[in-house]
Every structure is written in structure tokens, then in C-alpha cells.
Amino acid sequence: KMARLKQAKQEAEREIAAFRAQLEAEHQKK
């Protein structure tokens, strides 16, 4: 059970990192 929770957390962090990178790219475009 803990392993699954850990995996879900890692996936969420990866999504947040991707979202942040996208925001940075959009910001630098201006």
C-alpha cells in the first residue's frame, strides 16, 4: 500500500514539474 502511495506521489511531482516547465516556457516567450 505504501509503495503505491509513493508511486502516486512521484507521478504527481512529475506532472507538477512538467506543468512548471511549461509555464516557464510560456513566460520566456513573451
Protein backbone atom coordinates (compact mmCIF):
# COMPACT_ATOMS: atom_id res chain seq x y z
CA LYS A 1 0.00 0.00 0.00
CA MET A 2 2.78 2.44 0.86
CA ALA A 3 4.58 1.67 -2.39
CA ARG A 4 1.52 2.65 -4.40
CA LEU A 5 1.15 5.88 -2.46
CA LYS A 6 4.82 6.64 -3.05
CA GLN A 7 4.42 5.95 -6.76
CA ALA A 8 1.37 8.21 -6.98
CA LYS A 9 3.31 10.97 -5.23
CA GLN A 10 6.19 10.61 -7.68
CA GLU A 11 3.79 10.80 -10.63
CA ALA A 12 2.15 13.91 -9.18
CA GLU A 13 5.54 15.56 -8.68
CA ARG A 14 6.47 14.71 -12.26
CA GLU A 15 3.24 16.30 -13.52
CA ILE A 16 3.87 19.42 -11.42
CA ALA A 17 7.42 19.64 -12.76
CA ALA A 18 6.15 19.38 -16.34
CA PHE A 19 3.47 21.99 -15.66
CA ARG A 20 6.08 24.34 -14.17
CA ALA A 21 8.39 23.84 -17.16
CA GLN A 22 5.51 24.69 -19.48
CA LEU A 23 4.76 27.87 -17.52
CA GLU A 24 8.43 28.86 -17.66
CA ALA A 25 8.48 28.32 -21.43
CA GLU A 26 5.35 30.42 -21.87
CA HIS A 27 6.82 33.16 -19.71
CA GLN A 28 10.11 33.25 -21.64
CA LYS A 29 8.24 33.51 -24.95
CA LYS A 30 6.96 37.00 -24.15
